[in-house]
Protein backbone atom coordinates (compact mmCIF):
# COMPACT_ATOMS: atom_id res chain seq x y z
CA MET A 1 129.79 96.44 101.04
CA GLN A 2 130.89 93.02 99.70
CA ASP A 3 134.33 92.54 98.12
CA ASN A 4 133.35 91.63 94.56
CA LYS A 5 136.82 90.17 93.85
CA ILE A 6 135.80 87.06 95.74
CA GLU A 7 133.49 86.12 92.87
CA TYR A 8 136.60 85.32 90.81
CA LEU A 9 138.36 82.77 93.06
CA SER A 10 139.97 79.70 91.53
CA GLU A 11 138.40 76.26 91.90
CA ASP A 12 141.01 75.27 94.49
CA ALA A 13 140.48 78.52 96.42
CA TRP A 14 136.71 77.90 96.52
CA TYR A 15 137.29 74.37 97.81
CA GLN A 16 139.58 75.64 100.58
CA TRP A 17 137.12 78.45 101.44
CA HIS A 18 134.24 76.00 101.77
CA THR A 19 136.24 73.44 103.73
CA GLU A 20 137.39 75.91 106.37
CA LEU A 21 134.02 77.61 106.82
CA LEU A 22 132.10 74.32 106.77
CA GLN A 23 134.26 72.87 109.54
CA SER A 24 133.77 76.00 111.64
CA THR A 25 130.00 75.97 111.07
CA VAL A 26 129.63 72.27 111.91
CA ASN A 27 131.56 72.75 115.14
CA ARG A 28 129.35 75.67 116.19
CA VAL A 29 126.02 74.01 115.49
CA TYR A 30 127.09 70.71 117.08
CA ASN A 31 128.05 72.48 120.28
CA ARG A 32 125.29 75.10 120.39
CA VAL A 33 122.20 73.78 118.57
CA PRO A 34 120.65 70.70 120.24
CA PHE A 35 118.72 69.80 117.08
CA TYR A 36 121.92 69.43 115.07
CA ARG A 37 123.81 67.61 117.81
CA LYS A 38 120.97 65.07 118.04
CA SER A 39 120.70 64.74 114.26
CA MET A 40 124.44 64.17 113.86
CA GLU A 41 124.58 61.70 116.72
CA GLU A 42 121.75 59.72 115.13
CA LEU A 43 123.92 59.48 112.00
CA GLY A 44 126.92 58.45 114.10
CA ILE A 45 129.08 61.46 113.23
CA THR A 46 130.81 64.30 115.08
CA PRO A 47 132.57 67.44 113.81
CA ARG A 48 135.83 65.42 113.71
CA ASP A 49 134.36 63.43 110.80
CA ILE A 50 134.01 66.54 108.61
CA ASN A 51 137.50 66.98 107.18
CA SER A 52 136.68 68.71 103.89
CA ALA A 53 133.84 70.05 101.78
CA LYS A 54 133.54 66.58 100.27
CA ASP A 55 132.18 65.34 103.60
CA LEU A 56 129.09 67.58 103.25
CA THR A 57 126.94 64.61 102.23
CA ARG A 58 127.53 62.97 105.61
CA LEU A 59 125.60 65.74 107.36
CA PRO A 60 121.84 65.65 108.11
CA PHE A 61 119.23 67.48 106.06
CA THR A 62 117.18 70.37 107.50
CA THR A 63 113.58 71.08 106.47
CA ARG A 64 111.26 74.01 106.99
CA LYS A 65 109.28 71.81 109.38
CA ASP A 66 112.43 71.35 111.48
CA LEU A 67 112.65 75.15 111.78
CA SER A 68 109.01 75.39 112.85
CA ASP A 69 109.34 72.49 115.29
CA ASN A 70 112.20 74.32 117.06
CA TYR A 71 110.24 77.56 117.49
CA PRO A 72 111.14 80.09 118.74
CA TYR A 73 114.85 80.09 119.68
CA ASN A 74 116.05 76.49 119.56
CA MET A 75 117.83 76.82 116.20
CA PHE A 76 119.92 79.81 117.34
CA ALA A 77 123.68 79.20 117.54
CA VAL A 78 124.40 82.38 119.53
CA PRO A 79 123.11 83.74 122.86
CA LEU A 80 119.92 85.77 122.60
CA ARG A 81 121.81 88.90 123.71
CA ASP A 82 123.73 88.73 120.39
CA ILE A 83 120.51 88.82 118.33
CA VAL A 84 119.63 92.33 117.16
CA ARG A 85 116.68 91.56 114.87
CA ILE A 86 114.05 88.85 114.50
CA HIS A 87 111.71 88.13 111.60
CA THR A 88 109.03 85.45 111.49
CA LEU A 89 107.90 83.61 108.38
CA ARG A 90 104.94 81.33 107.88
CA GLY A 91 105.96 77.83 108.90
CA SER A 92 104.15 74.58 109.57
CA ARG A 93 100.64 74.45 110.95
CA GLU A 94 102.06 74.36 114.49
CA ALA A 95 104.40 77.36 114.52
CA PRO A 96 106.11 79.98 112.33
CA VAL A 97 109.75 80.01 111.26
CA VAL A 98 111.89 82.41 113.29
CA LEU A 99 114.89 84.13 111.67
CA GLY A 100 117.41 85.72 114.01
CA TYR A 101 120.15 88.10 112.91
CA THR A 102 123.34 89.25 114.58
CA ARG A 103 124.84 92.57 113.48
CA GLN A 104 127.24 90.61 111.28
CA ASP A 105 124.33 88.72 109.68
CA LEU A 106 122.59 91.99 108.85
CA GLU A 107 125.74 93.39 107.27
CA HIS A 108 126.18 90.22 105.22
CA ARG A 109 122.60 90.30 103.95
CA LYS A 110 122.77 93.98 103.11
CA GLY A 111 126.07 93.46 101.32
CA LEU A 112 124.69 90.52 99.36
CA ALA A 113 121.60 92.49 98.33
CA SER A 114 123.86 95.35 97.22
CA ARG A 115 126.06 93.00 95.21
CA PHE A 116 122.99 91.56 93.50
CA LEU A 117 121.71 95.01 92.57
CA MET A 118 125.11 96.19 91.36
CA ALA A 119 125.36 93.10 89.16
CA CYS A 120 122.05 94.26 87.69
CA GLY A 121 123.64 97.62 86.86
CA VAL A 122 122.12 99.68 89.70
CA THR A 123 124.09 102.85 90.55
CA PRO A 124 123.71 105.73 93.04
CA ASP A 125 121.98 107.70 90.25
CA ASP A 126 119.03 105.30 90.08
CA ILE A 127 115.53 105.75 91.46
CA ILE A 128 114.30 102.32 92.58
CA GLN A 129 110.64 101.40 93.05
CA ILE A 130 109.94 98.12 94.89
CA CYS A 131 106.52 96.55 94.25
CA LEU A 132 105.98 93.30 96.17
CA ASP A 133 102.99 91.75 97.92
CA PRO A 134 102.77 92.31 101.71
CA GLY A 135 103.53 88.60 102.21
CA MET A 136 107.04 89.29 100.87
CA TYR A 137 107.80 92.09 103.32
CA VAL A 138 111.14 90.65 104.48
CA LEU A 139 112.36 90.22 100.90
CA GLY A 140 111.40 93.81 100.04
CA HIS A 141 113.00 95.17 103.20
CA GLU A 142 116.34 93.50 102.52
CA LEU A 143 116.34 94.73 98.91
CA LYS A 144 115.56 98.25 100.15
CA GLU A 145 118.54 98.16 102.52
CA GLY A 146 120.81 96.85 99.78
CA ALA A 147 119.76 99.64 97.41
CA GLU A 148 120.24 102.28 100.10
CA ALA A 149 123.75 100.95 100.76
CA ILE A 150 124.58 101.63 97.11
CA GLY A 151 123.29 105.17 97.50
CA ALA A 152 120.28 104.84 95.20
CA LEU A 153 117.01 106.64 95.93
CA VAL A 154 114.52 103.99 97.07
CA ILE A 155 110.72 103.95 97.05
CA PRO A 156 110.06 101.02 99.42
CA PRO A 157 107.25 98.44 99.13
CA ASP A 158 103.83 99.88 99.91
CA PRO A 159 100.56 97.89 99.74
CA ILE A 160 98.87 100.38 97.41
CA HIS A 161 96.92 99.54 94.30
CA THR A 162 98.16 99.52 90.73
CA PRO A 163 96.91 103.01 89.70
CA ALA A 164 98.91 104.58 92.56
CA GLN A 165 101.99 102.52 91.66
CA LEU A 166 101.70 103.73 88.06
CA ARG A 167 101.51 107.35 89.21
CA ILE A 168 104.66 106.85 91.29
CA LEU A 169 106.36 105.18 88.31
CA LEU A 170 105.63 108.25 86.18
CA ASP A 171 105.85 111.16 88.63
CA PHE A 172 108.92 109.99 90.57
CA LYS A 173 110.77 109.09 87.33
CA THR A 174 111.53 105.54 88.43
CA THR A 175 114.53 104.08 86.58
CA VAL A 176 114.59 100.59 88.19
CA LEU A 177 111.51 98.52 89.05
CA ILE A 178 111.92 95.57 91.46
CA THR A 179 108.93 93.24 91.45
CA SER A 180 107.73 89.74 90.58
CA PRO A 181 107.43 88.84 86.88
CA SER A 182 103.64 88.48 87.09
CA TYR A 183 103.07 91.81 88.85
CA GLY A 184 105.59 93.56 86.62
CA ARG A 185 103.72 92.34 83.55
CA HIS A 186 100.42 93.41 85.12
CA LEU A 187 101.71 96.84 86.18
CA LEU A 188 103.35 97.72 82.89
CA GLY A 189 100.46 96.21 80.96
CA SER A 190 98.15 98.70 82.71
CA LEU A 191 99.93 101.72 81.22
CA ASP A 192 97.59 101.98 78.22
CA GLU A 193 94.51 101.66 80.40
CA ALA A 194 95.86 104.48 82.60
CA GLY A 195 96.58 106.66 79.57
CA ILE A 196 100.33 106.76 80.26
CA SER A 197 102.65 106.92 77.27
CA LEU A 198 105.84 104.89 77.26
CA ALA A 199 107.61 108.05 76.18
CA GLY A 200 106.79 109.58 79.56
CA LEU A 201 108.60 106.87 81.53
CA SER A 202 112.20 106.96 82.74
CA LEU A 203 112.22 103.20 83.39
CA LYS A 204 115.28 101.40 82.02
CA THR A 205 115.60 98.19 84.09
CA GLY A 206 113.27 95.59 85.56
CA ILE A 207 114.68 93.37 88.32
CA PHE A 208 112.45 90.35 88.82
CA VAL A 209 112.37 88.22 91.98
CA ALA A 210 110.10 85.77 93.83
CA GLU A 211 109.06 83.92 90.64
CA THR A 212 110.83 82.42 87.65
CA LEU A 213 111.24 84.90 84.79
CA ASP A 214 110.49 82.71 81.78
CA ASN A 215 111.81 83.50 78.30
CA GLN A 216 108.40 84.45 76.90
CA THR A 217 107.72 86.99 79.65
CA ARG A 218 111.26 88.36 79.33
CA GLU A 219 110.88 88.88 75.58
CA GLU A 220 107.48 90.54 75.98
CA LEU A 221 108.77 92.94 78.63
CA GLU A 222 111.91 93.87 76.71
CA GLN A 223 110.25 94.28 73.32
CA THR A 224 107.09 96.02 74.50
CA PHE A 225 108.57 98.34 77.13
CA SER A 226 112.18 98.67 75.94
CA ILE A 227 113.69 97.76 79.31
CA LYS A 228 116.55 95.51 80.39
CA THR A 229 115.37 92.53 82.43
CA ILE A 230 117.44 90.82 85.15
CA SER A 231 116.31 88.09 87.51
CA GLY A 232 117.32 87.03 91.00
CA TYR A 233 116.62 84.19 93.41
CA GLY A 234 116.76 84.00 97.17
CA ILE A 235 115.69 81.89 100.14
CA LEU A 236 114.94 84.04 103.18
CA GLU A 237 115.66 81.17 105.56
CA ALA A 238 119.22 80.98 104.24
CA VAL A 239 120.90 83.99 102.66
CA GLY A 240 118.15 86.30 101.44
CA PRO A 241 117.55 87.98 98.07
CA GLY A 242 121.25 88.21 97.21
CA MET A 243 121.59 84.45 97.10
CA ALA A 244 121.68 84.14 93.28
CA TYR A 245 121.53 86.70 90.48
CA GLU A 246 122.10 87.14 86.78
CA CYS A 247 125.04 89.05 85.35
CA GLU A 248 125.11 90.93 82.06
CA LYS A 249 125.62 87.63 80.16
CA ARG A 250 122.35 86.21 81.51
CA SER A 251 123.54 82.60 81.29
CA GLY A 252 122.27 81.45 84.67
CA LEU A 253 122.10 82.90 88.17
CA HIS A 254 125.43 83.30 89.97
CA LEU A 255 125.32 81.69 93.41
CA ALA A 256 126.85 83.54 96.37
CA LEU A 257 129.40 80.79 97.05
CA ASP A 258 131.21 82.89 99.63
CA HIS A 259 128.21 82.53 101.96
CA PHE A 260 126.83 79.03 101.33
CA ILE A 261 127.50 75.68 99.69
CA PRO A 262 124.85 74.55 97.20
CA GLU A 263 124.01 70.96 96.27
CA ILE A 264 121.55 69.30 93.93
CA ILE A 265 119.97 66.11 95.25
CA ASN A 266 117.49 63.52 94.06
CA PRO A 267 114.41 64.63 96.05
CA ASP A 268 113.23 61.03 96.47
CA THR A 269 116.48 59.40 97.59
CA GLY A 270 118.52 62.32 98.96
CA GLU A 271 121.45 61.27 96.77
CA GLN A 272 123.69 64.13 95.62
CA LEU A 273 123.54 64.65 91.85
CA PRO A 274 126.41 65.83 89.61
CA PRO A 275 126.50 69.26 87.88
CA GLY A 276 124.05 69.54 85.01
CA GLN A 277 121.45 67.12 86.42
CA THR A 278 118.12 68.52 87.60
CA GLY A 279 117.07 67.94 91.17
CA GLU A 280 116.25 69.72 94.45
CA LEU A 281 118.44 72.62 95.53
CA VAL A 282 119.97 72.17 99.00
CA ILE A 283 121.78 74.97 100.87
CA THR A 284 124.37 74.88 103.67
CA THR A 285 125.18 78.32 105.07
CA VAL A 286 128.79 78.95 106.12
CA THR A 287 128.83 82.60 107.24
CA THR A 288 125.51 82.88 109.10
CA ARG A 289 125.99 83.43 112.84
CA ALA A 290 122.53 83.43 114.41
CA ASN A 291 120.83 80.43 112.81
CA PRO A 292 123.14 78.56 110.43
CA LEU A 293 121.60 75.79 108.35
CA LEU A 294 123.02 72.40 107.37
CA ARG A 295 121.74 71.02 104.07
CA PHE A 296 118.49 72.99 104.04
CA ARG A 297 116.04 71.52 101.51
CA THR A 298 114.54 74.36 99.49
CA GLY A 299 112.06 72.22 97.53
CA ASP A 300 113.02 74.09 94.34
CA LEU A 301 114.01 72.06 91.27
CA THR A 302 116.95 73.30 89.21
CA HIS A 303 120.43 72.32 88.04
CA ILE A 304 123.88 73.84 88.54
CA ASP A 305 126.66 74.75 86.08
CA THR A 306 130.07 74.80 87.77
CA THR A 307 132.04 76.14 84.77
CA PRO A 308 133.23 79.78 84.79
CA CYS A 309 130.86 82.31 83.20
CA ALA A 310 131.77 84.40 80.15
CA CYS A 311 131.64 87.43 82.46
CA GLY A 312 134.72 86.11 84.28
CA ARG A 313 133.02 85.14 87.54
CA THR A 314 133.86 81.67 88.80
CA THR A 315 130.84 81.33 91.07
CA TRP A 316 128.60 78.41 90.12
CA ARG A 317 125.38 79.24 88.31
CA MET A 318 121.93 77.78 88.82
CA ALA A 319 119.26 77.51 86.15
CA PRO A 320 115.90 79.25 86.73
CA VAL A 321 113.69 77.21 89.05
CA GLN A 322 111.73 74.65 87.03
CA GLY A 323 109.22 73.52 89.63
CA ARG A 324 108.83 72.05 93.10
CA SER A 325 109.66 68.69 94.62
CA ASP A 326 106.61 68.94 96.90
CA GLU A 327 102.96 70.07 96.74
CA ILE A 328 103.71 73.72 97.52
CA ILE A 329 102.67 76.20 94.82
CA SER A 330 103.64 79.83 94.29
CA VAL A 331 101.16 82.64 93.66
CA ARG A 332 102.80 85.98 92.85
CA GLY A 333 105.83 84.79 94.82
CA ILE A 334 103.81 83.75 97.90
CA ARG A 335 104.11 80.05 98.62
CA ILE A 336 100.95 78.15 99.53
CA ASP A 337 101.12 74.76 101.20
CA PRO A 338 97.84 72.76 100.95
CA ALA A 339 98.48 71.50 104.51
CA GLU A 340 98.61 75.11 105.69
CA VAL A 341 95.22 75.84 104.10
CA ASP A 342 93.83 72.70 105.78
CA SER A 343 95.10 73.96 109.13
CA LEU A 344 93.66 77.45 108.58
CA LEU A 345 90.21 76.08 107.74
CA ASP A 346 90.34 73.52 110.56
CA ASN A 347 90.94 76.32 113.05
CA TYR A 348 88.35 78.62 111.48
CA PHE A 349 85.61 75.98 111.38
CA HIS A 350 86.59 74.36 114.70
CA ASP A 351 87.37 70.98 113.10
CA ARG A 352 84.14 70.97 111.06
CA LEU A 353 86.26 71.26 107.92
CA PRO A 354 83.98 71.39 104.86
CA GLY A 355 84.88 70.37 101.37
CA TYR A 356 86.86 73.15 99.74
CA LEU A 357 89.00 74.08 96.75
CA VAL A 358 91.58 76.80 96.28
CA ILE A 359 90.96 78.13 92.78
CA LEU A 360 93.66 80.11 90.94
CA LYS A 361 92.45 82.32 88.10
CA ASN A 362 94.67 84.38 85.83
CA HIS A 363 93.46 87.90 85.17
CA ALA A 364 95.58 90.59 83.48
CA TYR A 365 98.74 88.49 84.07
CA LEU A 366 98.04 88.11 87.80
CA GLU A 367 96.78 84.97 89.51
CA ARG A 368 93.82 85.69 91.76
CA VAL A 369 92.85 83.35 94.58
CA GLU A 370 89.34 82.10 95.29
CA VAL A 371 88.37 79.66 98.04
CA TRP A 372 85.25 77.64 97.24
CA ILE A 373 83.58 76.30 100.38
CA ALA A 374 80.91 73.59 100.39
CA LEU A 375 78.11 75.25 102.32
CA GLY A 376 75.89 72.85 104.28
CA GLU A 377 73.42 73.17 107.17
CA ASN A 378 75.98 71.84 109.63
CA LEU A 379 78.27 74.69 108.70
CA PHE A 380 76.01 77.69 108.36
CA SER A 381 72.31 78.27 109.03
CA GLY A 382 72.06 82.04 109.56
CA ASP A 383 70.55 84.82 107.44
CA LEU A 384 72.13 86.50 104.40
CA PRO A 385 73.79 89.44 106.24
CA GLU A 386 75.38 86.97 108.64
CA LEU A 387 76.62 84.92 105.69
CA HIS A 388 78.33 88.01 104.24
CA ARG A 389 79.99 88.74 107.61
CA TRP A 390 81.12 85.13 107.78
CA ILE A 391 82.64 85.33 104.28
CA ARG A 392 84.43 88.62 104.98
CA GLY A 393 85.85 87.18 108.20
CA LEU A 394 87.28 84.16 106.40
CA GLU A 395 88.77 86.39 103.70
CA ARG A 396 90.51 88.51 106.34
CA THR A 397 91.85 85.40 108.07
CA PHE A 398 93.19 83.98 104.79
CA LYS A 399 95.03 87.23 104.04
CA GLU A 400 96.50 87.42 107.56
CA VAL A 401 97.71 83.80 107.57
CA ILE A 402 98.67 83.18 103.93
CA GLY A 403 99.63 86.74 102.95
CA LEU A 404 97.36 86.96 99.90
CA GLU A 405 93.92 88.40 99.30
CA CYS A 406 91.26 85.88 98.35
CA ARG A 407 87.59 85.77 97.47
CA VAL A 408 85.49 83.22 99.36
CA ARG A 409 82.61 81.65 97.40
CA PRO A 410 80.02 79.37 99.04
CA VAL A 411 79.12 76.57 96.60
CA GLU A 412 77.28 73.26 96.60
CA MET A 413 79.28 70.13 97.28
CA LYS A 414 78.44 68.78 93.80
CA THR A 415 80.52 71.66 92.35
CA LEU A 416 83.58 70.50 94.26
CA LYS A 417 83.09 66.74 93.99
CA PRO A 418 84.67 66.16 90.53
CA TYR A 419 87.89 67.76 91.76
CA LEU A 420 87.90 66.29 95.27
CA ASP A 421 87.32 62.79 93.85
CA LYS A 422 90.66 63.21 92.03
CA GLY A 423 92.39 64.30 95.23
CA GLN A 424 92.75 67.91 94.06
CA LYS A 425 92.75 70.73 96.59
CA ILE A 426 94.33 73.49 94.47
CA VAL A 427 93.09 74.02 90.89
CA ARG A 428 94.28 76.44 88.21
CA MET A 429 91.50 77.58 85.88
């Protein structure tokens, strides 16, 4: 379990903490990770040039593509015998992202998840139900371990449909629901349709992750269902779901400064921005053993408040994510990169890539995905049963690669042309 007193360090103590751990981290990655040694040498720096946390801006950036390009083990800073768990995440079109964990890394992540949940008011008396899409398995698993460390009863993520989740919510007397804002609104909004009275629920808290919990959704959830709402934020590549979380004051998300150093940069120039200015969040991990990251670009746009919170914590706070600095979009917490969809379809159609659109439609608070494919003779010339098999196969492939269910619709090219002429590949309707 994490020592919560560390969230109340003085400004000078935080600076000293970050300086010492940053120097140690830079030394390790320079000596053990060829990618970082090469990147630092190209910038003309060595670990001797990093004398304090203020020298952070001299270090190279890291992108998700860098992690994919060094698949599978080239970003590890420890011998493989020290790795006790590996997870893979969707990466670039060439290769996935590999996350390695030492025993210490696992303890840190579990402790951070526990600290997040305790800040949300979770106790050993709670019954926690986690409802997340299969594509967020790692996030759900780490939250489950954090809740178990507290001593709460946990109903882990299970890819079952909404009616079954509602039955669990009622019959198991769930007190805390962990989900995305969109699915939480969908699930709770289905209570009337299922004939379940609010009076029959034991639910008191909703903890929302994977998407931004906007003020309108928060007000609707609290007023309609009489629950407390708390939000969290986490990057699996860096620190996991305990990376940032609201306290009872709900005036921003407290960053886990004991495990990483955050920055805000101008996404176009890479220049570091001062507190209060909106830009791209960049993360440097300082306690991770297996695959530490220097200046990892998250792509998420936000700003940081470095003043102490009314709750007494001195950890910096980030504002809810306001958007992306790239073309990636989020659907129910699953990130979709247009380049990844291009790669999927290229492979599926053996480089006979047709015109296509990814269509996002909102139904009962949830975005549903459709893929519209321009169907021509050069692509398909079989009979109707074969067409249906072809569609089902593409739908299965999309779910396996992207992590979301989709509906494939063959259409004429003239249906797609108005959008494609504008350079659009993903359209919200």
